[in-house]
Amino acid sequence: MKIPFCSPAHAKRYISYVHSRYGIPLSLIKAHRWIQHNESVWMVHALAQPLADAGANIFSLGLLAFSNGSSFEPTSHFITGWGKHIAMNIVTLDPLHVDSFFQRKKIGREFLDVSRVLSDGWVAVSFEGVVVGSGLLTRNHLITNLPPTLHAKENE
């Protein structure tokens, strides 16, 4: 399978966004290659390139970074995977609202520590210093962005 690696110019959009939005060091981001298939964007370490060149399907080695590459909607897997390197646009949950986050309930902005948020939009969400997911911060709320398998059932 031919892997659809992004051109350097196209990859630069993702590199710039990740660095400017979350403060992840460029030296770490540039050690990766970007793959786009339809709207989804994966990140894979550059060391996987020879495997792809040999015909291996390396999608399983990658980390799905954006479920929609045109709107830069990050996946929670990407945000939690890079959590220890994220330096900005981090919302901190208080203990009373952790369950609400995992139950996909909107959380009022007044219940969040937004001191490390530079602008509304996609943010990393932390609790007690650990990044636990991502969400969309609006003027009034945090809307969780968890993968479907983590969604709480309504009757639980």
N, C-alpha and C. Protein backbone atom coordinates (compact mmCIF):
# COMPACT_ATOMS: atom_id res chain seq x y z
N MET A 1 0.85 -1.18 0.00
CA MET A 1 0.00 0.00 0.00
C MET A 1 0.89 1.24 0.00
N LYS A 2 0.60 2.14 -0.88
CA LYS A 2 1.33 3.41 -0.92
C LYS A 2 0.79 4.31 0.18
N ILE A 3 1.67 4.71 1.08
CA ILE A 3 1.27 5.56 2.20
C ILE A 3 1.21 7.01 1.73
N PRO A 4 0.09 7.69 1.97
CA PRO A 4 -0.04 9.08 1.51
C PRO A 4 0.62 10.10 2.46
N PHE A 5 1.97 10.10 2.46
CA PHE A 5 2.69 11.07 3.28
C PHE A 5 2.38 12.48 2.78
N CYS A 6 2.29 13.41 3.69
CA CYS A 6 2.09 14.81 3.32
C CYS A 6 3.39 15.38 2.75
N SER A 7 3.25 16.28 1.82
CA SER A 7 4.42 16.99 1.31
C SER A 7 4.98 17.85 2.45
N PRO A 8 6.26 18.23 2.37
CA PRO A 8 6.81 19.10 3.42
C PRO A 8 6.01 20.38 3.62
N ALA A 9 5.53 20.97 2.53
CA ALA A 9 4.74 22.20 2.65
C ALA A 9 3.42 21.94 3.37
N HIS A 10 2.79 20.82 3.04
CA HIS A 10 1.52 20.49 3.69
C HIS A 10 1.74 20.12 5.15
N ALA A 11 2.80 19.35 5.43
CA ALA A 11 3.10 18.95 6.81
C ALA A 11 3.42 20.17 7.67
N LYS A 12 3.98 21.20 7.06
CA LYS A 12 4.34 22.41 7.80
C LYS A 12 3.11 23.03 8.47
N ARG A 13 1.93 22.92 7.83
CA ARG A 13 0.69 23.43 8.43
C ARG A 13 0.42 22.75 9.77
N TYR A 14 0.57 21.43 9.80
CA TYR A 14 0.31 20.67 11.03
C TYR A 14 1.37 20.94 12.08
N ILE A 15 2.63 20.98 11.65
CA ILE A 15 3.73 21.26 12.57
C ILE A 15 3.54 22.63 13.21
N SER A 16 3.24 23.63 12.40
CA SER A 16 3.06 24.99 12.91
C SER A 16 1.89 25.07 13.88
N TYR A 17 0.79 24.39 13.53
CA TYR A 17 -0.38 24.43 14.40
C TYR A 17 -0.09 23.79 15.75
N VAL A 18 0.47 22.59 15.74
CA VAL A 18 0.75 21.87 16.98
C VAL A 18 1.71 22.66 17.87
N HIS A 19 2.71 23.25 17.25
CA HIS A 19 3.68 24.03 18.03
C HIS A 19 3.04 25.32 18.57
N SER A 20 2.34 26.05 17.72
CA SER A 20 1.80 27.34 18.18
C SER A 20 0.60 27.18 19.10
N ARG A 21 -0.21 26.14 18.90
CA ARG A 21 -1.41 25.96 19.74
C ARG A 21 -1.07 25.36 21.09
N TYR A 22 -0.17 24.37 21.11
CA TYR A 22 0.08 23.62 22.34
C TYR A 22 1.49 23.79 22.91
N GLY A 23 2.36 24.46 22.19
CA GLY A 23 3.71 24.69 22.69
C GLY A 23 4.59 23.46 22.69
N ILE A 24 4.22 22.44 21.93
CA ILE A 24 5.06 21.24 21.84
C ILE A 24 6.35 21.63 21.11
N PRO A 25 7.51 21.29 21.66
CA PRO A 25 8.77 21.70 21.04
C PRO A 25 8.90 21.24 19.58
N LEU A 26 9.37 22.13 18.75
CA LEU A 26 9.56 21.81 17.33
C LEU A 26 10.50 20.63 17.13
N SER A 27 11.51 20.53 17.97
CA SER A 27 12.48 19.43 17.81
C SER A 27 11.79 18.06 17.94
N LEU A 28 10.77 17.96 18.76
CA LEU A 28 10.03 16.70 18.90
C LEU A 28 9.09 16.47 17.73
N ILE A 29 8.41 17.50 17.32
CA ILE A 29 7.42 17.37 16.23
C ILE A 29 8.11 17.05 14.91
N LYS A 30 9.26 17.67 14.67
CA LYS A 30 9.94 17.49 13.38
C LYS A 30 10.54 16.10 13.22
N ALA A 31 10.57 15.30 14.28
CA ALA A 31 11.06 13.92 14.19
C ALA A 31 9.98 12.99 13.64
N HIS A 32 8.86 13.56 13.22
CA HIS A 32 7.72 12.76 12.74
C HIS A 32 7.33 13.15 11.33
N ARG A 33 6.68 12.22 10.68
CA ARG A 33 6.11 12.46 9.35
C ARG A 33 4.60 12.48 9.51
N TRP A 34 3.95 13.16 8.60
CA TRP A 34 2.50 13.31 8.64
C TRP A 34 1.88 12.58 7.47
N ILE A 35 0.79 11.88 7.73
CA ILE A 35 0.07 11.11 6.72
C ILE A 35 -1.36 11.62 6.71
N GLN A 36 -1.90 11.90 5.54
CA GLN A 36 -3.30 12.30 5.46
C GLN A 36 -4.04 11.36 4.53
N HIS A 37 -5.12 10.80 5.04
CA HIS A 37 -6.00 9.94 4.26
C HIS A 37 -7.41 10.45 4.46
N ASN A 38 -8.03 10.90 3.39
CA ASN A 38 -9.31 11.59 3.47
C ASN A 38 -9.16 12.78 4.42
N GLU A 39 -9.99 12.88 5.44
CA GLU A 39 -9.89 14.02 6.37
C GLU A 39 -9.00 13.72 7.57
N SER A 40 -8.65 12.46 7.78
CA SER A 40 -7.88 12.07 8.96
C SER A 40 -6.38 12.28 8.73
N VAL A 41 -5.70 12.68 9.80
CA VAL A 41 -4.26 12.95 9.73
C VAL A 41 -3.55 12.17 10.84
N TRP A 42 -2.56 11.39 10.45
CA TRP A 42 -1.76 10.61 11.38
C TRP A 42 -0.36 11.21 11.48
N MET A 43 0.26 10.90 12.58
CA MET A 43 1.64 11.28 12.84
C MET A 43 2.40 9.98 13.09
N VAL A 44 3.53 9.79 12.39
CA VAL A 44 4.33 8.59 12.57
C VAL A 44 5.79 9.01 12.65
N HIS A 45 6.57 8.32 13.46
CA HIS A 45 7.98 8.68 13.61
C HIS A 45 8.68 8.49 12.27
N ALA A 46 9.60 9.37 11.97
CA ALA A 46 10.33 9.33 10.70
C ALA A 46 11.08 8.01 10.49
N LEU A 47 11.41 7.31 11.57
CA LEU A 47 12.10 6.02 11.45
C LEU A 47 11.24 4.96 10.77
N ALA A 48 9.94 5.20 10.67
CA ALA A 48 9.05 4.25 10.00
C ALA A 48 9.06 4.42 8.49
N GLN A 49 9.66 5.48 7.99
CA GLN A 49 9.68 5.75 6.54
C GLN A 49 10.24 4.57 5.73
N PRO A 50 11.38 3.97 6.13
CA PRO A 50 11.90 2.83 5.34
C PRO A 50 10.92 1.66 5.27
N LEU A 51 10.15 1.44 6.33
CA LEU A 51 9.15 0.38 6.30
C LEU A 51 8.08 0.68 5.26
N ALA A 52 7.64 1.94 5.22
CA ALA A 52 6.64 2.35 4.24
C ALA A 52 7.20 2.23 2.83
N ASP A 53 8.44 2.63 2.66
CA ASP A 53 9.07 2.53 1.35
C ASP A 53 9.17 1.09 0.87
N ALA A 54 9.27 0.15 1.82
CA ALA A 54 9.34 -1.27 1.49
C ALA A 54 7.96 -1.88 1.27
N GLY A 55 6.91 -1.07 1.40
CA GLY A 55 5.56 -1.55 1.13
C GLY A 55 4.74 -1.90 2.36
N ALA A 56 5.28 -1.72 3.55
CA ALA A 56 4.53 -2.04 4.77
C ALA A 56 3.44 -1.00 5.02
N ASN A 57 2.32 -1.48 5.52
CA ASN A 57 1.23 -0.58 5.91
C ASN A 57 1.54 -0.08 7.32
N ILE A 58 2.02 1.14 7.42
CA ILE A 58 2.48 1.65 8.71
C ILE A 58 1.42 2.47 9.45
N PHE A 59 0.18 2.46 8.96
CA PHE A 59 -0.85 3.23 9.66
C PHE A 59 -0.95 2.82 11.13
N SER A 60 -0.77 1.53 11.42
CA SER A 60 -0.89 1.06 12.80
C SER A 60 0.24 1.57 13.68
N LEU A 61 1.33 2.03 13.08
CA LEU A 61 2.43 2.61 13.86
C LEU A 61 2.21 4.08 14.17
N GLY A 62 1.24 4.66 13.49
CA GLY A 62 1.00 6.08 13.66
C GLY A 62 0.00 6.40 14.76
N LEU A 63 -0.07 7.66 15.07
CA LEU A 63 -1.00 8.16 16.06
C LEU A 63 -1.97 9.08 15.33
N LEU A 64 -3.26 8.75 15.39
CA LEU A 64 -4.25 9.60 14.74
C LEU A 64 -4.24 10.95 15.47
N ALA A 65 -3.78 11.97 14.77
CA ALA A 65 -3.62 13.29 15.38
C ALA A 65 -4.86 14.16 15.23
N PHE A 66 -5.40 14.21 14.03
CA PHE A 66 -6.57 15.05 13.74
C PHE A 66 -7.63 14.22 13.04
N SER A 67 -8.84 14.22 13.58
CA SER A 67 -9.92 13.51 12.91
C SER A 67 -10.43 14.32 11.74
N ASN A 68 -10.14 15.62 11.75
CA ASN A 68 -10.48 16.48 10.63
C ASN A 68 -9.30 17.43 10.43
N GLY A 69 -8.51 17.14 9.42
CA GLY A 69 -7.30 17.91 9.18
C GLY A 69 -7.54 19.34 8.75
N SER A 70 -8.71 19.62 8.18
CA SER A 70 -8.94 20.99 7.74
C SER A 70 -9.34 21.91 8.89
N SER A 71 -9.93 21.33 9.95
CA SER A 71 -10.31 22.16 11.10
C SER A 71 -9.39 21.96 12.30
N PHE A 72 -8.36 21.14 12.13
CA PHE A 72 -7.40 20.85 13.19
C PHE A 72 -8.09 20.33 14.46
N GLU A 73 -9.09 19.47 14.29
CA GLU A 73 -9.76 18.87 15.45
C GLU A 73 -8.89 17.74 15.98
N PRO A 74 -8.24 17.95 17.13
CA PRO A 74 -7.31 16.92 17.63
C PRO A 74 -8.06 15.75 18.24
N THR A 75 -7.44 14.59 18.21
CA THR A 75 -8.02 13.45 18.90
C THR A 75 -7.53 13.46 20.34
N SER A 76 -8.32 12.86 21.22
CA SER A 76 -7.88 12.76 22.62
C SER A 76 -6.63 11.89 22.72
N HIS A 77 -6.50 10.90 21.84
CA HIS A 77 -5.30 10.07 21.84
C HIS A 77 -4.05 10.91 21.57
N PHE A 78 -4.16 11.82 20.63
CA PHE A 78 -3.03 12.69 20.32
C PHE A 78 -2.70 13.59 21.52
N ILE A 79 -3.73 14.21 22.08
CA ILE A 79 -3.52 15.14 23.19
C ILE A 79 -2.96 14.43 24.42
N THR A 80 -3.50 13.26 24.75
CA THR A 80 -2.98 12.55 25.93
C THR A 80 -1.59 11.97 25.64
N GLY A 81 -1.36 11.52 24.42
CA GLY A 81 -0.04 10.98 24.07
C GLY A 81 1.07 12.01 24.15
N TRP A 82 0.75 13.24 23.80
CA TRP A 82 1.73 14.32 23.84
C TRP A 82 1.57 15.19 25.08
N GLY A 83 0.70 14.79 26.00
CA GLY A 83 0.36 15.60 27.16
C GLY A 83 1.51 16.15 27.96
N LYS A 84 2.55 15.35 28.18
CA LYS A 84 3.66 15.85 29.01
C LYS A 84 4.47 16.93 28.30
N HIS A 85 4.26 17.10 26.99
CA HIS A 85 4.98 18.13 26.24
C HIS A 85 4.13 19.36 25.97
N ILE A 86 2.84 19.29 26.30
CA ILE A 86 1.94 20.41 26.05
C ILE A 86 2.17 21.47 27.11
N ALA A 87 2.43 22.71 26.66
CA ALA A 87 2.77 23.78 27.59
C ALA A 87 1.72 24.88 27.67
N MET A 88 0.77 24.89 26.74
CA MET A 88 -0.22 25.96 26.77
C MET A 88 -1.54 25.48 26.18
N ASN A 89 -2.56 26.29 26.39
CA ASN A 89 -3.94 25.95 26.03
C ASN A 89 -4.36 24.66 26.73
N ILE A 90 -4.18 24.71 28.05
CA ILE A 90 -4.54 23.60 28.94
C ILE A 90 -5.59 24.09 29.92
N VAL A 91 -6.69 23.37 29.99
CA VAL A 91 -7.75 23.63 30.96
C VAL A 91 -7.57 22.62 32.09
N THR A 92 -7.70 23.08 33.32
CA THR A 92 -7.59 22.18 34.46
C THR A 92 -8.95 21.99 35.11
N LEU A 93 -9.31 20.71 35.27
CA LEU A 93 -10.59 20.36 35.91
C LEU A 93 -10.45 20.39 37.41
N ASP A 94 -11.52 20.77 38.09
CA ASP A 94 -11.53 20.63 39.54
C ASP A 94 -12.10 19.25 39.86
N PRO A 95 -11.84 18.72 41.07
CA PRO A 95 -12.28 17.37 41.41
C PRO A 95 -13.79 17.14 41.26
N LEU A 96 -14.59 18.18 41.44
CA LEU A 96 -16.04 18.03 41.36
C LEU A 96 -16.55 17.84 39.93
N HIS A 97 -15.72 18.12 38.92
CA HIS A 97 -16.19 18.06 37.54
C HIS A 97 -15.48 17.03 36.67
N VAL A 98 -14.64 16.20 37.28
CA VAL A 98 -13.95 15.16 36.52
C VAL A 98 -14.97 14.17 35.95
N ASP A 99 -15.91 13.71 36.77
CA ASP A 99 -16.93 12.78 36.27
C ASP A 99 -17.73 13.38 35.13
N SER A 100 -18.07 14.65 35.25
CA SER A 100 -18.83 15.32 34.18
C SER A 100 -18.06 15.30 32.88
N PHE A 101 -16.76 15.49 32.94
CA PHE A 101 -15.93 15.46 31.73
C PHE A 101 -16.03 14.10 31.06
N PHE A 102 -15.88 13.02 31.83
CA PHE A 102 -15.92 11.68 31.25
C PHE A 102 -17.33 11.22 30.90
N GLN A 103 -18.34 11.91 31.41
CA GLN A 103 -19.72 11.63 31.02
C GLN A 103 -20.18 12.50 29.86
N ARG A 104 -19.24 13.26 29.30
CA ARG A 104 -19.47 14.11 28.13
C ARG A 104 -20.49 15.21 28.39
N LYS A 105 -20.52 15.69 29.61
CA LYS A 105 -21.41 16.81 29.94
C LYS A 105 -20.65 18.11 29.73
N LYS A 106 -21.35 19.13 29.29
CA LYS A 106 -20.73 20.45 29.19
C LYS A 106 -20.39 20.92 30.59
N ILE A 107 -19.23 21.54 30.71
CA ILE A 107 -18.79 22.06 32.00
C ILE A 107 -18.68 23.57 31.86
N GLY A 108 -19.35 24.28 32.75
CA GLY A 108 -19.31 25.73 32.72
C GLY A 108 -17.90 26.25 32.91
N ARG A 109 -17.58 27.26 32.17
CA ARG A 109 -16.24 27.85 32.23
C ARG A 109 -15.87 28.31 33.64
N GLU A 110 -16.86 28.70 34.41
CA GLU A 110 -16.60 29.18 35.76
C GLU A 110 -16.07 28.08 36.69
N PHE A 111 -16.18 26.81 36.27
CA PHE A 111 -15.71 25.68 37.07
C PHE A 111 -14.33 25.19 36.62
N LEU A 112 -13.69 25.92 35.72
CA LEU A 112 -12.43 25.50 35.14
C LEU A 112 -11.32 26.50 35.47
N ASP A 113 -10.12 25.99 35.59
CA ASP A 113 -8.95 26.87 35.67
C ASP A 113 -8.46 27.05 34.24
N VAL A 114 -8.64 28.25 33.72
CA VAL A 114 -8.25 28.54 32.34
C VAL A 114 -7.03 29.47 32.28
N SER A 115 -6.26 29.51 33.36
CA SER A 115 -5.13 30.43 33.42
C SER A 115 -4.04 30.10 32.40
N ARG A 116 -4.02 28.87 31.86
CA ARG A 116 -3.02 28.50 30.86
C ARG A 116 -3.61 28.43 29.45
N VAL A 117 -4.75 29.09 29.27
CA VAL A 117 -5.40 29.12 27.97
C VAL A 117 -5.14 30.48 27.32
N LEU A 118 -4.60 30.44 26.12
CA LEU A 118 -4.32 31.68 25.39
C LEU A 118 -5.51 32.14 24.57
N SER A 119 -6.30 31.17 24.07
CA SER A 119 -7.48 31.52 23.29
C SER A 119 -8.45 30.34 23.29
N ASP A 120 -9.72 30.65 23.12
CA ASP A 120 -10.74 29.60 23.03
C ASP A 120 -10.45 28.73 21.81
N GLY A 121 -10.99 27.53 21.84
CA GLY A 121 -10.78 26.57 20.75
C GLY A 121 -10.41 25.23 21.35
N TRP A 122 -9.71 24.40 20.58
CA TRP A 122 -9.31 23.08 21.06
C TRP A 122 -8.24 23.22 22.13
N VAL A 123 -8.47 22.52 23.26
CA VAL A 123 -7.55 22.60 24.41
C VAL A 123 -7.25 21.21 24.94
N ALA A 124 -6.14 21.10 25.63
CA ALA A 124 -5.84 19.90 26.41
C ALA A 124 -6.57 20.05 27.74
N VAL A 125 -7.03 18.95 28.29
CA VAL A 125 -7.75 18.97 29.57
C VAL A 125 -6.94 18.15 30.57
N SER A 126 -6.63 18.78 31.71
CA SER A 126 -5.82 18.09 32.71
C SER A 126 -6.55 18.00 34.04
N PHE A 127 -6.10 17.05 34.83
CA PHE A 127 -6.57 16.88 36.19
C PHE A 127 -5.38 16.46 37.02
N GLU A 128 -5.13 17.21 38.09
CA GLU A 128 -4.01 16.95 39.00
C GLU A 128 -2.69 16.81 38.24
N GLY A 129 -2.49 17.66 37.23
CA GLY A 129 -1.23 17.71 36.51
C GLY A 129 -1.06 16.72 35.37
N VAL A 130 -2.08 15.90 35.12
CA VAL A 130 -2.00 14.90 34.05
C VAL A 130 -3.03 15.24 32.98
N VAL A 131 -2.59 15.26 31.72
CA VAL A 131 -3.53 15.51 30.62
C VAL A 131 -4.38 14.26 30.44
N VAL A 132 -5.70 14.41 30.56
CA VAL A 132 -6.63 13.28 30.50
C VAL A 132 -7.51 13.27 29.26
N GLY A 133 -7.40 14.31 28.43
CA GLY A 133 -8.22 14.35 27.22
C GLY A 133 -8.15 15.71 26.57
N SER A 134 -9.07 15.91 25.66
CA SER A 134 -9.14 17.19 24.97
C SER A 134 -10.59 17.66 24.93
N GLY A 135 -10.76 18.91 24.60
CA GLY A 135 -12.10 19.46 24.52
C GLY A 135 -12.10 20.76 23.74
N LEU A 136 -13.29 21.23 23.49
CA LEU A 136 -13.48 22.50 22.80
C LEU A 136 -13.92 23.52 23.83
N LEU A 137 -13.10 24.52 24.05
CA LEU A 137 -13.42 25.58 25.00
C LEU A 137 -14.10 26.72 24.25
N THR A 138 -15.32 27.01 24.68
CA THR A 138 -16.06 28.13 24.10
C THR A 138 -16.12 29.25 25.13
N ARG A 139 -16.81 30.29 24.79
CA ARG A 139 -16.93 31.43 25.71
C ARG A 139 -17.56 31.02 27.04
N ASN A 140 -18.46 30.01 27.00
CA ASN A 140 -19.21 29.64 28.20
C ASN A 140 -18.94 28.24 28.74
N HIS A 141 -18.44 27.33 27.89
CA HIS A 141 -18.36 25.92 28.28
C HIS A 141 -17.10 25.23 27.78
N LEU A 142 -16.86 24.06 28.39
CA LEU A 142 -15.91 23.09 27.85
C LEU A 142 -16.75 21.93 27.35
N ILE A 143 -16.56 21.57 26.10
CA ILE A 143 -17.26 20.43 25.50
C ILE A 143 -16.22 19.34 25.29
N THR A 144 -16.43 18.17 25.89
CA THR A 144 -15.43 17.11 25.81
C THR A 144 -15.31 16.57 24.39
N ASN A 145 -14.13 16.04 24.11
CA ASN A 145 -13.83 15.44 22.81
C ASN A 145 -13.19 14.08 23.07
N LEU A 146 -14.02 13.13 23.51
CA LEU A 146 -13.53 11.79 23.82
C LEU A 146 -13.89 10.83 22.70
N PRO A 147 -13.07 9.78 22.51
CA PRO A 147 -13.40 8.78 21.49
C PRO A 147 -14.71 8.08 21.84
N PRO A 148 -15.45 7.60 20.83
CA PRO A 148 -16.76 6.98 21.06
C PRO A 148 -16.74 5.84 22.07
N THR A 149 -15.67 5.06 22.15
CA THR A 149 -15.64 3.93 23.09
C THR A 149 -15.56 4.39 24.53
N LEU A 150 -15.24 5.66 24.76
CA LEU A 150 -15.16 6.16 26.13
C LEU A 150 -16.40 6.92 26.56
N HIS A 151 -17.35 7.07 25.65
CA HIS A 151 -18.56 7.80 26.00
C HIS A 151 -19.33 7.03 27.06
N ALA A 152 -19.78 7.75 28.06
CA ALA A 152 -20.60 7.12 29.09
C ALA A 152 -21.99 6.87 28.53
N LYS A 153 -22.58 5.74 28.90
CA LYS A 153 -23.94 5.45 28.49
C LYS A 153 -24.90 6.27 29.34
N GLU A 154 -26.01 6.67 28.75
CA GLU A 154 -26.94 7.53 29.47
C GLU A 154 -27.51 6.90 30.72
N ASN A 155 -27.66 5.58 30.74
CA ASN A 155 -28.27 4.95 31.91
C ASN A 155 -27.25 4.53 32.96
N GLU A 156 -25.99 4.88 32.80
CA GLU A 156 -24.99 4.54 33.80
C GLU A 156 -24.77 5.68 34.75
